Amino acid sequence: MAFIKNLAAPFLAAAVLAACGGGSGTTANYQNDKERIAALEADGKLPKLDRSADLKGPDLNSDGVRDDIEAILKAKYQGKQLAATVQFARSYRPVFDLPEGDRVAAQTVSNQGTRAMKCLHRKFDGETLETNPSVVSRQIVAMTFNTKERLKTYMRYNATLSGSVLSLPDGDTCEE
C-alpha cells in the first residue's frame, strides 16, 4: 500500500500545480484537466508524455521503452545512469501484457523490476533528488502509468502481487 501512496505523489503534485496555475502566480482559467496538463507541459513543468489509448504507447525502435519516456531519459541522463534508467523503464512494459490475476507471470515481471531497481541503486549515488534512485524510479513509474487505463493496469498488477515476498537478487543486475 505504501508503494501505491508513493506512486500517487507525482500525480498529486501535478494536480496541485495545475490547480494553482502551475505555481507561477498566474490565474489561468482552464476548461478541463487536459488543458491544465497541456499548459504545464508547454511551460516545461511536466514532461510531454504520450497519452494515447494504446496501453503500451509507441515504441518505434522496439527496444521495450516507450519512445516519449526514452527521449526524456536520454535528455536527462548519460552513460551508465542512462542504461540503468532504460533498463528500469523496460522492466515495466511487460505489465501491460500480463493476464489478469496470473500471479506466476506477475512475479516474473516483478523479478525483472527488482533487478532493474537494484541496478538503479548501484548507478545513482542519492546525493541529490536528481540522483536519488527512489525518486528516479518513482518518476519513471509515474511516466509509464500516466493515463487512467495505464494506472488501472498497474494497480491490477500490484493487486496480483499482493502478499508476495520479494528478495533482492545477488550480483550485478545491470544489463549494461
N, C-alpha and C. Protein backbone atom coordinates (compact mmCIF):
# COMPACT_ATOMS: atom_id res chain seq x y z
N MET A 1 0.82 -1.19 0.00
CA MET A 1 0.00 0.00 0.00
C MET A 1 0.86 1.25 0.00
N ALA A 2 2.00 1.22 0.73
CA ALA A 2 2.88 2.39 0.77
C ALA A 2 3.42 2.69 -0.62
N PHE A 3 3.66 1.64 -1.42
CA PHE A 3 4.19 1.85 -2.75
C PHE A 3 3.19 2.61 -3.62
N ILE A 4 1.90 2.27 -3.48
CA ILE A 4 0.86 2.96 -4.25
C ILE A 4 0.78 4.41 -3.79
N LYS A 5 0.91 4.66 -2.48
CA LYS A 5 0.91 6.04 -1.99
C LYS A 5 2.08 6.80 -2.57
N ASN A 6 3.27 6.17 -2.66
CA ASN A 6 4.43 6.83 -3.25
C ASN A 6 4.20 7.13 -4.72
N LEU A 7 3.51 6.24 -5.41
CA LEU A 7 3.19 6.47 -6.82
C LEU A 7 2.25 7.65 -6.97
N ALA A 8 1.35 7.81 -6.04
CA ALA A 8 0.36 8.88 -6.13
C ALA A 8 0.99 10.26 -5.94
N ALA A 9 2.13 10.35 -5.29
CA ALA A 9 2.75 11.64 -5.01
C ALA A 9 2.99 12.49 -6.25
N PRO A 10 3.59 11.93 -7.35
CA PRO A 10 3.79 12.77 -8.53
C PRO A 10 2.47 13.25 -9.15
N PHE A 11 1.45 12.39 -9.11
CA PHE A 11 0.16 12.78 -9.67
C PHE A 11 -0.48 13.87 -8.81
N LEU A 12 -0.36 13.73 -7.49
CA LEU A 12 -0.89 14.74 -6.59
C LEU A 12 -0.17 16.06 -6.79
N ALA A 13 1.16 16.01 -6.93
CA ALA A 13 1.93 17.23 -7.15
C ALA A 13 1.48 17.91 -8.44
N ALA A 14 1.27 17.13 -9.49
CA ALA A 14 0.81 17.71 -10.76
C ALA A 14 -0.56 18.33 -10.61
N ALA A 15 -1.43 17.67 -9.86
CA ALA A 15 -2.78 18.21 -9.65
C ALA A 15 -2.73 19.51 -8.86
N VAL A 16 -1.86 19.55 -7.84
CA VAL A 16 -1.73 20.77 -7.05
C VAL A 16 -1.19 21.90 -7.90
N LEU A 17 -0.15 21.59 -8.69
CA LEU A 17 0.40 22.61 -9.58
C LEU A 17 -0.65 23.10 -10.57
N ALA A 18 -1.41 22.15 -11.11
CA ALA A 18 -2.44 22.52 -12.08
C ALA A 18 -3.50 23.40 -11.42
N ALA A 19 -3.89 23.05 -10.23
CA ALA A 19 -4.92 23.82 -9.53
C ALA A 19 -4.44 25.20 -9.17
N CYS A 20 -3.15 25.33 -8.97
CA CYS A 20 -2.57 26.63 -8.60
C CYS A 20 -2.06 27.39 -9.80
N GLY A 21 -2.39 26.94 -10.99
CA GLY A 21 -1.89 27.62 -12.19
C GLY A 21 -0.42 27.36 -12.41
N GLY A 22 0.08 26.23 -11.90
CA GLY A 22 1.47 25.87 -12.13
C GLY A 22 2.42 26.51 -11.15
N GLY A 23 1.92 27.24 -10.16
CA GLY A 23 2.78 27.83 -9.17
C GLY A 23 3.48 29.08 -9.65
N SER A 24 3.16 29.57 -10.81
CA SER A 24 3.86 30.73 -11.36
C SER A 24 3.18 32.04 -11.01
N GLY A 25 2.14 31.98 -10.21
CA GLY A 25 1.45 33.20 -9.82
C GLY A 25 0.38 33.62 -10.81
N THR A 26 0.18 32.86 -11.87
CA THR A 26 -0.83 33.20 -12.85
C THR A 26 -2.19 32.71 -12.38
N THR A 27 -3.21 33.28 -12.93
CA THR A 27 -4.57 32.83 -12.60
C THR A 27 -5.25 32.35 -13.86
N ALA A 28 -4.56 31.49 -14.60
CA ALA A 28 -5.09 30.97 -15.85
C ALA A 28 -6.40 30.24 -15.60
N ASN A 29 -7.31 30.36 -16.55
CA ASN A 29 -8.60 29.69 -16.47
C ASN A 29 -8.59 28.53 -17.45
N TYR A 30 -8.65 27.31 -16.94
CA TYR A 30 -8.64 26.13 -17.78
C TYR A 30 -10.02 25.51 -17.78
N GLN A 31 -10.42 24.97 -18.92
CA GLN A 31 -11.72 24.33 -19.04
C GLN A 31 -11.73 22.92 -18.46
N ASN A 32 -10.58 22.23 -18.55
CA ASN A 32 -10.53 20.86 -18.08
C ASN A 32 -9.10 20.46 -17.75
N ASP A 33 -8.95 19.24 -17.24
CA ASP A 33 -7.63 18.76 -16.85
C ASP A 33 -6.68 18.65 -18.03
N LYS A 34 -7.21 18.30 -19.20
CA LYS A 34 -6.35 18.18 -20.38
C LYS A 34 -5.70 19.51 -20.70
N GLU A 35 -6.45 20.59 -20.57
CA GLU A 35 -5.88 21.92 -20.82
C GLU A 35 -4.83 22.27 -19.78
N ARG A 36 -5.08 21.92 -18.53
CA ARG A 36 -4.11 22.17 -17.46
C ARG A 36 -2.81 21.42 -17.73
N ILE A 37 -2.95 20.16 -18.08
CA ILE A 37 -1.76 19.34 -18.37
C ILE A 37 -1.00 19.90 -19.56
N ALA A 38 -1.72 20.26 -20.61
CA ALA A 38 -1.06 20.83 -21.80
C ALA A 38 -0.31 22.11 -21.44
N ALA A 39 -0.90 22.95 -20.59
CA ALA A 39 -0.23 24.19 -20.19
C ALA A 39 1.02 23.89 -19.37
N LEU A 40 0.94 22.93 -18.46
CA LEU A 40 2.11 22.56 -17.66
C LEU A 40 3.21 21.97 -18.53
N GLU A 41 2.81 21.19 -19.55
CA GLU A 41 3.80 20.65 -20.48
C GLU A 41 4.44 21.77 -21.29
N ALA A 42 3.64 22.71 -21.75
CA ALA A 42 4.16 23.83 -22.54
C ALA A 42 5.13 24.68 -21.73
N ASP A 43 4.88 24.82 -20.43
CA ASP A 43 5.75 25.59 -19.55
C ASP A 43 6.98 24.79 -19.11
N GLY A 44 7.03 23.50 -19.46
CA GLY A 44 8.15 22.65 -19.06
C GLY A 44 8.06 22.16 -17.63
N LYS A 45 6.91 22.33 -17.01
CA LYS A 45 6.74 21.89 -15.62
C LYS A 45 6.36 20.42 -15.53
N LEU A 46 5.87 19.88 -16.61
CA LEU A 46 5.59 18.45 -16.73
C LEU A 46 6.22 17.98 -18.04
N PRO A 47 6.73 16.74 -18.04
CA PRO A 47 7.27 16.22 -19.31
C PRO A 47 6.13 15.94 -20.29
N LYS A 48 6.41 16.10 -21.57
CA LYS A 48 5.41 15.80 -22.60
C LYS A 48 5.37 14.29 -22.79
N LEU A 49 4.24 13.70 -22.43
CA LEU A 49 4.10 12.25 -22.46
C LEU A 49 2.97 11.81 -23.38
N ASP A 50 3.14 10.63 -23.93
CA ASP A 50 2.11 10.01 -24.73
C ASP A 50 0.90 9.71 -23.86
N ARG A 51 -0.26 10.12 -24.31
CA ARG A 51 -1.50 9.85 -23.58
C ARG A 51 -2.52 9.15 -24.48
N SER A 52 -2.00 8.40 -25.44
CA SER A 52 -2.88 7.70 -26.36
C SER A 52 -3.62 6.57 -25.65
N ALA A 53 -4.63 6.04 -26.32
CA ALA A 53 -5.41 4.94 -25.77
C ALA A 53 -4.62 3.63 -25.78
N ASP A 54 -3.55 3.57 -26.56
CA ASP A 54 -2.69 2.39 -26.61
C ASP A 54 -1.98 2.23 -25.27
N LEU A 55 -2.25 1.15 -24.56
CA LEU A 55 -1.67 0.98 -23.22
C LEU A 55 -0.15 1.06 -23.23
N LYS A 56 0.47 0.40 -24.18
CA LYS A 56 1.93 0.40 -24.22
C LYS A 56 2.50 1.70 -24.77
N GLY A 57 1.77 2.34 -25.66
CA GLY A 57 2.29 3.54 -26.30
C GLY A 57 3.31 3.19 -27.36
N PRO A 58 3.75 4.20 -28.11
CA PRO A 58 4.66 3.93 -29.23
C PRO A 58 6.07 3.54 -28.78
N ASP A 59 6.62 2.56 -29.49
CA ASP A 59 8.00 2.12 -29.30
C ASP A 59 8.54 1.78 -30.69
N LEU A 60 8.79 2.83 -31.46
CA LEU A 60 9.16 2.65 -32.87
C LEU A 60 10.44 1.85 -33.07
N ASN A 61 11.40 1.98 -32.15
CA ASN A 61 12.66 1.25 -32.32
C ASN A 61 12.62 -0.13 -31.65
N SER A 62 11.48 -0.51 -31.09
CA SER A 62 11.25 -1.84 -30.48
C SER A 62 12.30 -2.21 -29.43
N ASP A 63 12.72 -1.23 -28.62
CA ASP A 63 13.69 -1.52 -27.58
C ASP A 63 13.03 -1.81 -26.23
N GLY A 64 11.68 -1.80 -26.20
CA GLY A 64 10.98 -2.11 -24.98
C GLY A 64 10.72 -0.92 -24.08
N VAL A 65 11.01 0.29 -24.56
CA VAL A 65 10.77 1.50 -23.80
C VAL A 65 9.94 2.44 -24.66
N ARG A 66 8.86 2.95 -24.09
CA ARG A 66 8.01 3.90 -24.82
C ARG A 66 8.86 5.08 -25.29
N ASP A 67 8.66 5.49 -26.53
CA ASP A 67 9.52 6.50 -27.15
C ASP A 67 9.59 7.81 -26.38
N ASP A 68 8.47 8.29 -25.85
CA ASP A 68 8.50 9.56 -25.12
C ASP A 68 9.31 9.46 -23.85
N ILE A 69 9.20 8.34 -23.16
CA ILE A 69 9.97 8.13 -21.93
C ILE A 69 11.45 8.02 -22.27
N GLU A 70 11.76 7.29 -23.32
CA GLU A 70 13.15 7.14 -23.74
C GLU A 70 13.77 8.50 -24.06
N ALA A 71 13.04 9.36 -24.75
CA ALA A 71 13.56 10.68 -25.09
C ALA A 71 13.84 11.50 -23.83
N ILE A 72 12.95 11.43 -22.86
CA ILE A 72 13.14 12.15 -21.60
C ILE A 72 14.38 11.62 -20.87
N LEU A 73 14.53 10.31 -20.82
CA LEU A 73 15.68 9.71 -20.13
C LEU A 73 16.98 10.08 -20.83
N LYS A 74 16.98 10.07 -22.16
CA LYS A 74 18.19 10.42 -22.91
C LYS A 74 18.57 11.89 -22.72
N ALA A 75 17.58 12.74 -22.55
CA ALA A 75 17.86 14.16 -22.33
C ALA A 75 18.39 14.43 -20.92
N LYS A 76 18.07 13.55 -20.00
CA LYS A 76 18.39 13.80 -18.59
C LYS A 76 19.63 13.05 -18.10
N TYR A 77 19.89 11.86 -18.65
CA TYR A 77 20.95 11.01 -18.13
C TYR A 77 21.94 10.63 -19.23
N GLN A 78 23.10 10.19 -18.79
CA GLN A 78 24.13 9.73 -19.72
C GLN A 78 24.76 8.45 -19.19
N GLY A 79 25.47 7.77 -20.05
CA GLY A 79 26.28 6.62 -19.68
C GLY A 79 25.54 5.55 -18.90
N LYS A 80 26.15 5.14 -17.79
CA LYS A 80 25.61 4.04 -17.00
C LYS A 80 24.30 4.41 -16.32
N GLN A 81 24.09 5.68 -16.00
CA GLN A 81 22.81 6.10 -15.44
C GLN A 81 21.70 5.99 -16.48
N LEU A 82 22.00 6.37 -17.71
CA LEU A 82 21.02 6.22 -18.79
C LEU A 82 20.67 4.75 -18.97
N ALA A 83 21.68 3.91 -19.02
CA ALA A 83 21.45 2.47 -19.21
C ALA A 83 20.58 1.92 -18.07
N ALA A 84 20.84 2.36 -16.85
CA ALA A 84 20.06 1.87 -15.70
C ALA A 84 18.61 2.34 -15.76
N THR A 85 18.39 3.60 -16.16
CA THR A 85 17.01 4.09 -16.23
C THR A 85 16.25 3.43 -17.37
N VAL A 86 16.92 3.18 -18.48
CA VAL A 86 16.27 2.50 -19.60
C VAL A 86 15.92 1.07 -19.19
N GLN A 87 16.84 0.39 -18.49
CA GLN A 87 16.55 -0.96 -18.01
C GLN A 87 15.34 -0.94 -17.08
N PHE A 88 15.27 0.05 -16.20
CA PHE A 88 14.14 0.13 -15.27
C PHE A 88 12.84 0.39 -16.03
N ALA A 89 12.86 1.33 -16.97
CA ALA A 89 11.66 1.63 -17.75
C ALA A 89 11.21 0.39 -18.54
N ARG A 90 12.16 -0.32 -19.11
CA ARG A 90 11.85 -1.53 -19.89
C ARG A 90 11.22 -2.61 -19.01
N SER A 91 11.60 -2.66 -17.74
CA SER A 91 11.10 -3.72 -16.86
C SER A 91 9.60 -3.61 -16.61
N TYR A 92 9.02 -2.43 -16.84
CA TYR A 92 7.58 -2.27 -16.61
C TYR A 92 6.72 -2.50 -17.84
N ARG A 93 7.28 -2.53 -19.01
CA ARG A 93 6.48 -2.71 -20.23
C ARG A 93 5.68 -4.03 -20.22
N PRO A 94 6.26 -5.14 -19.73
CA PRO A 94 5.50 -6.40 -19.72
C PRO A 94 4.26 -6.38 -18.83
N VAL A 95 4.15 -5.41 -17.93
CA VAL A 95 2.96 -5.32 -17.08
C VAL A 95 1.70 -5.24 -17.94
N PHE A 96 1.81 -4.60 -19.09
CA PHE A 96 0.64 -4.41 -19.96
C PHE A 96 0.21 -5.69 -20.67
N ASP A 97 1.07 -6.70 -20.67
CA ASP A 97 0.75 -7.97 -21.34
C ASP A 97 0.31 -9.07 -20.38
N LEU A 98 0.32 -8.79 -19.09
CA LEU A 98 0.01 -9.83 -18.11
C LEU A 98 -1.46 -10.24 -18.15
N PRO A 99 -1.71 -11.54 -18.15
CA PRO A 99 -3.10 -11.98 -17.99
C PRO A 99 -3.57 -11.60 -16.58
N GLU A 100 -4.76 -11.08 -16.48
CA GLU A 100 -5.27 -10.63 -15.19
C GLU A 100 -5.28 -11.78 -14.18
N GLY A 101 -4.69 -11.51 -13.01
CA GLY A 101 -4.68 -12.49 -11.93
C GLY A 101 -3.61 -13.56 -12.03
N ASP A 102 -2.77 -13.54 -13.07
CA ASP A 102 -1.73 -14.56 -13.23
C ASP A 102 -0.55 -14.21 -12.32
N ARG A 103 -0.57 -14.80 -11.14
CA ARG A 103 0.42 -14.50 -10.12
C ARG A 103 1.84 -14.91 -10.52
N VAL A 104 1.98 -16.02 -11.20
CA VAL A 104 3.31 -16.50 -11.62
C VAL A 104 3.91 -15.53 -12.65
N ALA A 105 3.11 -15.14 -13.62
CA ALA A 105 3.61 -14.20 -14.63
C ALA A 105 3.93 -12.84 -14.00
N ALA A 106 3.09 -12.40 -13.09
CA ALA A 106 3.33 -11.12 -12.40
C ALA A 106 4.61 -11.19 -11.58
N GLN A 107 4.87 -12.31 -10.96
CA GLN A 107 6.10 -12.47 -10.17
C GLN A 107 7.33 -12.44 -11.07
N THR A 108 7.22 -13.03 -12.26
CA THR A 108 8.33 -13.00 -13.21
C THR A 108 8.65 -11.56 -13.62
N VAL A 109 7.61 -10.79 -13.91
CA VAL A 109 7.79 -9.38 -14.26
C VAL A 109 8.37 -8.62 -13.07
N SER A 110 7.87 -8.90 -11.90
CA SER A 110 8.36 -8.25 -10.69
C SER A 110 9.84 -8.53 -10.45
N ASN A 111 10.26 -9.76 -10.73
CA ASN A 111 11.67 -10.11 -10.56
C ASN A 111 12.56 -9.27 -11.48
N GLN A 112 12.11 -9.03 -12.71
CA GLN A 112 12.87 -8.17 -13.63
C GLN A 112 12.92 -6.74 -13.09
N GLY A 113 11.80 -6.29 -12.53
CA GLY A 113 11.76 -4.95 -11.95
C GLY A 113 12.69 -4.82 -10.75
N THR A 114 12.78 -5.87 -9.94
CA THR A 114 13.67 -5.87 -8.79
C THR A 114 15.12 -5.82 -9.23
N ARG A 115 15.44 -6.55 -10.28
CA ARG A 115 16.80 -6.50 -10.83
C ARG A 115 17.13 -5.09 -11.33
N ALA A 116 16.17 -4.49 -12.02
CA ALA A 116 16.38 -3.13 -12.55
C ALA A 116 16.48 -2.11 -11.41
N MET A 117 15.70 -2.29 -10.35
CA MET A 117 15.76 -1.38 -9.21
C MET A 117 17.13 -1.48 -8.52
N LYS A 118 17.64 -2.69 -8.38
CA LYS A 118 18.96 -2.85 -7.78
C LYS A 118 20.02 -2.15 -8.63
N CYS A 119 19.88 -2.25 -9.94
CA CYS A 119 20.81 -1.58 -10.84
C CYS A 119 20.75 -0.07 -10.64
N LEU A 120 19.53 0.48 -10.54
CA LEU A 120 19.39 1.93 -10.30
C LEU A 120 20.14 2.33 -9.03
N HIS A 121 20.00 1.53 -7.99
CA HIS A 121 20.66 1.85 -6.73
C HIS A 121 22.18 1.77 -6.84
N ARG A 122 22.68 0.97 -7.74
CA ARG A 122 24.14 0.89 -7.95
C ARG A 122 24.66 2.08 -8.76
N LYS A 123 23.84 2.62 -9.66
CA LYS A 123 24.32 3.66 -10.58
C LYS A 123 24.01 5.08 -10.14
N PHE A 124 23.14 5.24 -9.15
CA PHE A 124 22.77 6.57 -8.66
C PHE A 124 23.24 6.71 -7.21
N ASP A 125 23.92 7.82 -6.91
CA ASP A 125 24.51 7.98 -5.58
C ASP A 125 23.54 8.50 -4.53
N GLY A 126 22.46 9.12 -4.93
CA GLY A 126 21.47 9.60 -3.98
C GLY A 126 21.85 10.86 -3.24
N GLU A 127 22.90 11.54 -3.68
CA GLU A 127 23.33 12.77 -3.01
C GLU A 127 22.37 13.94 -3.21
N THR A 128 21.61 13.91 -4.29
CA THR A 128 20.63 14.95 -4.58
C THR A 128 19.33 14.27 -4.98
N LEU A 129 18.25 15.04 -5.08
CA LEU A 129 16.99 14.47 -5.55
C LEU A 129 17.12 13.88 -6.95
N GLU A 130 17.91 14.56 -7.80
CA GLU A 130 18.08 14.09 -9.18
C GLU A 130 18.84 12.78 -9.25
N THR A 131 19.64 12.48 -8.22
CA THR A 131 20.41 11.23 -8.23
C THR A 131 19.95 10.26 -7.16
N ASN A 132 18.79 10.49 -6.60
CA ASN A 132 18.23 9.57 -5.62
C ASN A 132 17.50 8.46 -6.37
N PRO A 133 17.96 7.22 -6.24
CA PRO A 133 17.35 6.14 -7.04
C PRO A 133 15.87 5.93 -6.77
N SER A 134 15.42 6.18 -5.55
CA SER A 134 13.99 6.02 -5.26
C SER A 134 13.17 7.08 -5.97
N VAL A 135 13.69 8.31 -6.01
CA VAL A 135 12.99 9.39 -6.71
C VAL A 135 12.98 9.11 -8.21
N VAL A 136 14.12 8.70 -8.74
CA VAL A 136 14.22 8.40 -10.18
C VAL A 136 13.24 7.29 -10.55
N SER A 137 13.18 6.23 -9.73
CA SER A 137 12.28 5.11 -10.05
C SER A 137 10.83 5.55 -9.99
N ARG A 138 10.45 6.37 -9.01
CA ARG A 138 9.06 6.85 -8.92
C ARG A 138 8.71 7.72 -10.12
N GLN A 139 9.65 8.52 -10.59
CA GLN A 139 9.39 9.35 -11.76
C GLN A 139 9.14 8.48 -12.99
N ILE A 140 9.92 7.44 -13.15
CA ILE A 140 9.74 6.55 -14.31
C ILE A 140 8.41 5.82 -14.22
N VAL A 141 8.06 5.36 -13.05
CA VAL A 141 6.77 4.68 -12.87
C VAL A 141 5.63 5.65 -13.19
N ALA A 142 5.73 6.88 -12.69
CA ALA A 142 4.68 7.87 -12.95
C ALA A 142 4.56 8.17 -14.44
N MET A 143 5.68 8.24 -15.15
CA MET A 143 5.63 8.48 -16.60
C MET A 143 5.03 7.29 -17.33
N THR A 144 5.37 6.09 -16.89
CA THR A 144 4.90 4.87 -17.55
C THR A 144 3.40 4.68 -17.41
N PHE A 145 2.88 4.96 -16.23
CA PHE A 145 1.46 4.72 -15.95
C PHE A 145 0.73 6.06 -15.85
N ASN A 146 0.82 6.84 -16.91
CA ASN A 146 0.37 8.25 -16.91
C ASN A 146 -1.05 8.48 -17.41
N THR A 147 -1.78 7.44 -17.69
CA THR A 147 -3.19 7.63 -18.07
C THR A 147 -4.04 6.77 -17.13
N LYS A 148 -5.32 7.02 -17.14
CA LYS A 148 -6.23 6.27 -16.26
C LYS A 148 -6.14 4.77 -16.53
N GLU A 149 -6.18 4.38 -17.80
CA GLU A 149 -6.15 2.95 -18.13
C GLU A 149 -4.81 2.33 -17.80
N ARG A 150 -3.72 3.06 -18.03
CA ARG A 150 -2.40 2.53 -17.68
C ARG A 150 -2.27 2.37 -16.17
N LEU A 151 -2.77 3.33 -15.44
CA LEU A 151 -2.73 3.26 -13.98
C LEU A 151 -3.59 2.11 -13.46
N LYS A 152 -4.74 1.88 -14.06
CA LYS A 152 -5.59 0.74 -13.67
C LYS A 152 -4.83 -0.58 -13.89
N THR A 153 -4.11 -0.67 -14.99
CA THR A 153 -3.33 -1.87 -15.27
C THR A 153 -2.26 -2.07 -14.20
N TYR A 154 -1.60 -0.99 -13.84
CA TYR A 154 -0.56 -1.04 -12.80
C TYR A 154 -1.16 -1.46 -11.46
N MET A 155 -2.32 -0.95 -11.14
CA MET A 155 -2.97 -1.30 -9.88
C MET A 155 -3.39 -2.77 -9.86
N ARG A 156 -3.85 -3.29 -11.00
CA ARG A 156 -4.20 -4.72 -11.08
C ARG A 156 -2.94 -5.57 -10.89
N TYR A 157 -1.84 -5.14 -11.50
CA TYR A 157 -0.56 -5.83 -11.35
C TYR A 157 -0.15 -5.87 -9.87
N ASN A 158 -0.22 -4.74 -9.20
CA ASN A 158 0.13 -4.69 -7.78
C ASN A 158 -0.81 -5.54 -6.94
N ALA A 159 -2.10 -5.54 -7.28
CA ALA A 159 -3.06 -6.36 -6.54
C ALA A 159 -2.73 -7.84 -6.72
N THR A 160 -2.32 -8.22 -7.92
CA THR A 160 -1.95 -9.62 -8.17
C THR A 160 -0.74 -10.01 -7.33
N LEU A 161 0.18 -9.07 -7.13
CA LEU A 161 1.38 -9.35 -6.34
C LEU A 161 1.15 -9.24 -4.84
N SER A 162 0.01 -8.74 -4.43
CA SER A 162 -0.26 -8.52 -3.01
C SER A 162 0.00 -9.79 -2.21
N GLY A 163 0.78 -9.65 -1.17
CA GLY A 163 1.12 -10.79 -0.32
C GLY A 163 2.36 -11.54 -0.77
N SER A 164 2.93 -11.17 -1.90
CA SER A 164 4.13 -11.82 -2.40
C SER A 164 5.34 -11.39 -1.57
N VAL A 165 6.32 -12.25 -1.53
CA VAL A 165 7.59 -11.94 -0.87
C VAL A 165 8.62 -11.69 -1.97
N LEU A 166 9.27 -10.55 -1.89
CA LEU A 166 10.30 -10.20 -2.87
C LEU A 166 11.66 -10.23 -2.20
N SER A 167 12.66 -10.63 -2.93
CA SER A 167 14.02 -10.59 -2.40
C SER A 167 14.93 -9.98 -3.45
N LEU A 168 15.98 -9.33 -2.96
CA LEU A 168 16.93 -8.72 -3.88
C LEU A 168 17.81 -9.80 -4.51
N PRO A 169 18.02 -9.69 -5.80
CA PRO A 169 18.88 -10.68 -6.47
C PRO A 169 20.35 -10.44 -6.10
N ASP A 170 21.14 -11.48 -6.22
CA ASP A 170 22.57 -11.37 -5.95
C ASP A 170 23.30 -10.85 -7.17
N GLY A 171 24.46 -10.29 -6.93
CA GLY A 171 25.37 -9.90 -8.00
C GLY A 171 24.97 -8.61 -8.71
N ASP A 172 25.67 -8.36 -9.79
CA ASP A 172 25.42 -7.18 -10.61
C ASP A 172 24.22 -7.46 -11.50
N THR A 173 23.19 -6.66 -11.36
CA THR A 173 21.95 -6.89 -12.10
C THR A 173 21.79 -5.95 -13.28
N CYS A 174 22.79 -5.11 -13.52
CA CYS A 174 22.72 -4.18 -14.64
C CYS A 174 22.95 -4.92 -15.95
N GLU A 175 22.13 -4.59 -16.95
CA GLU A 175 22.24 -5.26 -18.23
C GLU A 175 23.42 -4.72 -19.05
N GLU A 176 23.84 -3.50 -18.76
CA GLU A 176 25.00 -2.92 -19.47
C GLU A 176 26.04 -2.50 -18.49
